Every structure is written in structure tokens, then in C-alpha cells.
Amino acid sequence: MMMDKTVRRYYQQKQKQKEIEQELTGLRNEIMAYFTEQDASELEIGSHKVKIVVQERKEYDENKLFEALPDPELWRMLSKPDTSKIASLLKLNVITEERLKNTFSTKTVKLLQVDKK
């Protein structure tokens, strides 16, 4: 009986989480649109400091990456292109930036940061 209550509660919380995530997405889109209108990347709105942080992320092409890293041992370490694992291998000088030159595209991501003043 106790597990039934736990499972029910879990399901309810997951539903709330979905609703909250949907609302957050809508609010984020509204804020991002406002920043675009204002042509701003940082504003003080009420008692909050709001900032758009732009990041670039590499998205690796699996086939090109495999061609650049034909060594089966290296490929096994990666198994699936994992940006953080690749970054670690680069830091450790196991592989070089030159070797990966044409294996990825760069994606720009805008993050929304809201802090209390």
C-alpha cells in the first residue's frame, strides 16, 4: 500500500514538473522577445538583474569525427560524441584541436540569467 502512495505522488510531481517547465519556457520566450525588442543583453527590471549570456557549443558530426579519430581505442573512449569527454581528451593532450578541425559545427546558445539585485 505504501508503494502505491509513493508511485501516485511521483506521478503527480512529474505532472507538476511538466507544467512548470512549460510555464518556464513560455516566460523565457517572453523575456527573450522583450530583450530582442530592446536590443539589450542586460537590464534591471524591478528588483532583478536580467542578463542574456551567449555561449557557443560544438556539435560533432559522428562520421567526420570517426574519420578524424580512426584509432579504435580512442573511439571506444568516446563511444558517442560527448562534448565534455572530447574537451577532457583535448585538455589532456590525448587528441589535438587540429585533428578535430572539421568534425563539428558551432551552435550559439542564449542562456537567460535572472538574479536578485
C-alpha atoms as a PDB file:
ATOM      1  CA  MET A   1       0.000   0.000   0.000  1.00  0.00           C
ATOM      2  CA  MET A   2       2.831   2.411   0.854  1.00  0.00           C
ATOM      3  CA  MET A   3       4.420   1.954  -2.594  1.00  0.00           C
ATOM      4  CA  ASP A   4       1.100   2.800  -4.263  1.00  0.00           C
ATOM      5  CA  LYS A   5       1.121   6.142  -2.438  1.00  0.00           C
ATOM      6  CA  THR A   6       4.750   6.740  -3.412  1.00  0.00           C
ATOM      7  CA  VAL A   7       4.093   5.951  -7.082  1.00  0.00           C
ATOM      8  CA  ARG A   8       0.991   8.172  -7.102  1.00  0.00           C
ATOM      9  CA  ARG A   9       2.938  11.035  -5.517  1.00  0.00           C
ATOM     10  CA  TYR A  10       5.770  10.578  -8.016  1.00  0.00           C
ATOM     11  CA  TYR A  11       3.314  10.748 -10.921  1.00  0.00           C
ATOM     12  CA  GLN A  12       1.686  13.909  -9.504  1.00  0.00           C
ATOM     13  CA  GLN A  13       5.053  15.591  -9.035  1.00  0.00           C
ATOM     14  CA  LYS A  14       6.147  14.687 -12.584  1.00  0.00           C
ATOM     15  CA  GLN A  15       2.904  16.266 -13.910  1.00  0.00           C
ATOM     16  CA  LYS A  16       3.640  19.432 -11.894  1.00  0.00           C
ATOM     17  CA  GLN A  17       7.195  19.424 -13.225  1.00  0.00           C
ATOM     18  CA  LYS A  18       5.895  19.283 -16.824  1.00  0.00           C
ATOM     19  CA  GLU A  19       3.508  22.169 -16.137  1.00  0.00           C
ATOM     20  CA  ILE A  20       6.263  24.222 -14.505  1.00  0.00           C
ATOM     21  CA  GLU A  21       8.663  23.507 -17.385  1.00  0.00           C
ATOM     22  CA  GLN A  22       6.011  24.584 -19.911  1.00  0.00           C
ATOM     23  CA  GLU A  23       5.353  27.788 -17.979  1.00  0.00           C
ATOM     24  CA  LEU A  24       9.088  28.494 -17.658  1.00  0.00           C
ATOM     25  CA  THR A  25       9.509  28.004 -21.413  1.00  0.00           C
ATOM     26  CA  GLY A  26       6.712  30.497 -22.099  1.00  0.00           C
ATOM     27  CA  LEU A  27       8.103  33.036 -19.627  1.00  0.00           C
ATOM     28  CA  ARG A  28      11.624  32.609 -21.011  1.00  0.00           C
ATOM     29  CA  ASN A  29      10.368  33.169 -24.574  1.00  0.00           C
ATOM     30  CA  GLU A  30       8.521  36.303 -23.454  1.00  0.00           C
ATOM     31  CA  ILE A  31      11.632  37.681 -21.720  1.00  0.00           C
ATOM     32  CA  MET A  32      13.878  36.820 -24.692  1.00  0.00           C
ATOM     33  CA  ALA A  33      11.449  38.577 -27.066  1.00  0.00           C
ATOM     34  CA  TYR A  34      11.496  41.663 -24.825  1.00  0.00           C
ATOM     35  CA  PHE A  35      15.301  41.710 -24.857  1.00  0.00           C
ATOM     36  CA  THR A  36      15.272  41.422 -28.644  1.00  0.00           C
ATOM     37  CA  GLU A  37      12.822  44.365 -28.863  1.00  0.00           C
ATOM     38  CA  GLN A  38      15.018  46.418 -26.543  1.00  0.00           C
ATOM     39  CA  ASP A  39      18.177  45.315 -28.355  1.00  0.00           C
ATOM     40  CA  ALA A  40      19.710  44.650 -24.933  1.00  0.00           C
ATOM     41  CA  SER A  41      21.711  41.886 -23.304  1.00  0.00           C
ATOM     42  CA  GLU A  42      21.433  43.105 -19.709  1.00  0.00           C
ATOM     43  CA  LEU A  43      18.671  45.058 -17.925  1.00  0.00           C
ATOM     44  CA  GLU A  44      17.487  45.805 -14.431  1.00  0.00           C
ATOM     45  CA  ILE A  45      13.798  45.022 -14.212  1.00  0.00           C
ATOM     46  CA  GLY A  46      12.162  45.704 -10.863  1.00  0.00           C
ATOM     47  CA  SER A  47      14.285  44.089  -8.184  1.00  0.00           C
ATOM     48  CA  HIS A  48      16.021  41.730 -10.636  1.00  0.00           C
ATOM     49  CA  LYS A  49      19.091  41.943 -12.807  1.00  0.00           C
ATOM     50  CA  VAL A  50      18.399  40.073 -16.041  1.00  0.00           C
ATOM     51  CA  LYS A  51      21.154  39.070 -18.439  1.00  0.00           C
ATOM     52  CA  ILE A  52      21.380  37.128 -21.682  1.00  0.00           C
ATOM     53  CA  VAL A  53      24.561  35.062 -21.716  1.00  0.00           C
ATOM     54  CA  VAL A  54      25.641  33.854 -25.154  1.00  0.00           C
ATOM     55  CA  GLN A  55      27.547  30.587 -25.356  1.00  0.00           C
ATOM     56  CA  GLU A  56      28.884  28.650 -28.292  1.00  0.00           C
ATOM     57  CA  ARG A  57      28.648  24.884 -28.218  1.00  0.00           C
ATOM     58  CA  LYS A  58      30.298  22.421 -30.542  1.00  0.00           C
ATOM     59  CA  GLU A  59      28.085  19.788 -32.121  1.00  0.00           C
ATOM     60  CA  TYR A  60      30.180  16.977 -33.526  1.00  0.00           C
ATOM     61  CA  ASP A  61      29.371  15.103 -36.722  1.00  0.00           C
ATOM     62  CA  GLU A  62      29.797  11.447 -35.786  1.00  0.00           C
ATOM     63  CA  ASN A  63      31.018  10.319 -39.240  1.00  0.00           C
ATOM     64  CA  LYS A  64      33.581  13.120 -39.606  1.00  0.00           C
ATOM     65  CA  LEU A  65      34.750  12.556 -36.049  1.00  0.00           C
ATOM     66  CA  PHE A  66      35.234   8.849 -36.729  1.00  0.00           C
ATOM     67  CA  GLU A  67      37.313   9.705 -39.829  1.00  0.00           C
ATOM     68  CA  ALA A  68      39.453  12.077 -37.736  1.00  0.00           C
ATOM     69  CA  LEU A  69      39.854   9.506 -34.934  1.00  0.00           C
ATOM     70  CA  PRO A  70      40.217   6.132 -36.681  1.00  0.00           C
ATOM     71  CA  ASP A  71      42.071   4.649 -33.679  1.00  0.00           C
ATOM     72  CA  PRO A  72      39.543   2.146 -32.241  1.00  0.00           C
ATOM     73  CA  GLU A  73      40.861   2.749 -28.720  1.00  0.00           C
ATOM     74  CA  LEU A  74      40.102   6.490 -28.915  1.00  0.00           C
ATOM     75  CA  TRP A  75      36.725   5.801 -30.496  1.00  0.00           C
ATOM     76  CA  ARG A  76      35.856   3.373 -27.700  1.00  0.00           C
ATOM     77  CA  MET A  77      36.691   6.085 -25.132  1.00  0.00           C
ATOM     78  CA  LEU A  78      34.185   8.372 -26.825  1.00  0.00           C
ATOM     79  CA  SER A  79      31.614   5.779 -27.993  1.00  0.00           C
ATOM     80  CA  LYS A  80      29.183   8.590 -28.801  1.00  0.00           C
ATOM     81  CA  PRO A  81      30.288  12.186 -29.339  1.00  0.00           C
ATOM     82  CA  ASP A  82      30.246  13.633 -25.832  1.00  0.00           C
ATOM     83  CA  THR A  83      31.403  17.244 -25.796  1.00  0.00           C
ATOM     84  CA  SER A  84      32.684  17.118 -22.226  1.00  0.00           C
ATOM     85  CA  LYS A  85      34.667  13.905 -22.855  1.00  0.00           C
ATOM     86  CA  ILE A  86      36.154  15.386 -26.026  1.00  0.00           C
ATOM     87  CA  ALA A  87      37.070  18.568 -24.119  1.00  0.00           C
ATOM     88  CA  SER A  88      38.776  16.413 -21.469  1.00  0.00           C
ATOM     89  CA  LEU A  89      40.774  14.486 -24.084  1.00  0.00           C
ATOM     90  CA  LEU A  90      41.852  17.823 -25.602  1.00  0.00           C
ATOM     91  CA  LYS A  91      42.934  19.181 -22.197  1.00  0.00           C
ATOM     92  CA  LEU A  92      44.918  16.028 -21.522  1.00  0.00           C
ATOM     93  CA  ASN A  93      46.565  16.351 -24.965  1.00  0.00           C
ATOM     94  CA  VAL A  94      45.366  12.873 -25.926  1.00  0.00           C
ATOM     95  CA  ILE A  95      43.999  14.498 -29.101  1.00  0.00           C
ATOM     96  CA  THR A  96      44.626  17.893 -30.698  1.00  0.00           C
ATOM     97  CA  GLU A  97      42.299  20.667 -31.933  1.00  0.00           C
ATOM     98  CA  GLU A  98      43.948  20.288 -35.358  1.00  0.00           C
ATOM     99  CA  ARG A  99      42.853  16.655 -35.560  1.00  0.00           C
ATOM    100  CA  LEU A 100      39.214  17.632 -34.856  1.00  0.00           C
ATOM    101  CA  LYS A 101      39.237  20.701 -37.114  1.00  0.00           C
ATOM    102  CA  ASN A 102      36.357  19.724 -39.470  1.00  0.00           C
ATOM    103  CA  THR A 103      34.420  17.362 -37.207  1.00  0.00           C
ATOM    104  CA  PHE A 104      31.987  19.817 -35.615  1.00  0.00           C
ATOM    105  CA  SER A 105      29.790  22.819 -36.201  1.00  0.00           C
ATOM    106  CA  THR A 106      29.425  25.585 -33.643  1.00  0.00           C
ATOM    107  CA  LYS A 107      25.992  26.352 -32.238  1.00  0.00           C
ATOM    108  CA  THR A 108      25.273  29.616 -30.435  1.00  0.00           C
ATOM    109  CA  VAL A 109      23.069  29.215 -27.376  1.00  0.00           C
ATOM    110  CA  LYS A 110      21.489  32.062 -25.426  1.00  0.00           C
ATOM    111  CA  LEU A 111      21.072  31.445 -21.724  1.00  0.00           C
ATOM    112  CA  LEU A 112      18.777  33.545 -19.550  1.00  0.00           C
ATOM    113  CA  GLN A 113      20.151  34.546 -16.164  1.00  0.00           C
ATOM    114  CA  VAL A 114      17.944  36.226 -13.559  1.00  0.00           C
ATOM    115  CA  ASP A 115      19.362  37.317 -10.183  1.00  0.00           C
ATOM    116  CA  LYS A 116      18.082  39.376  -7.269  1.00  0.00           C
ATOM    117  CA  LYS A 117      19.727  42.804  -7.075  1.00  0.00           C
END
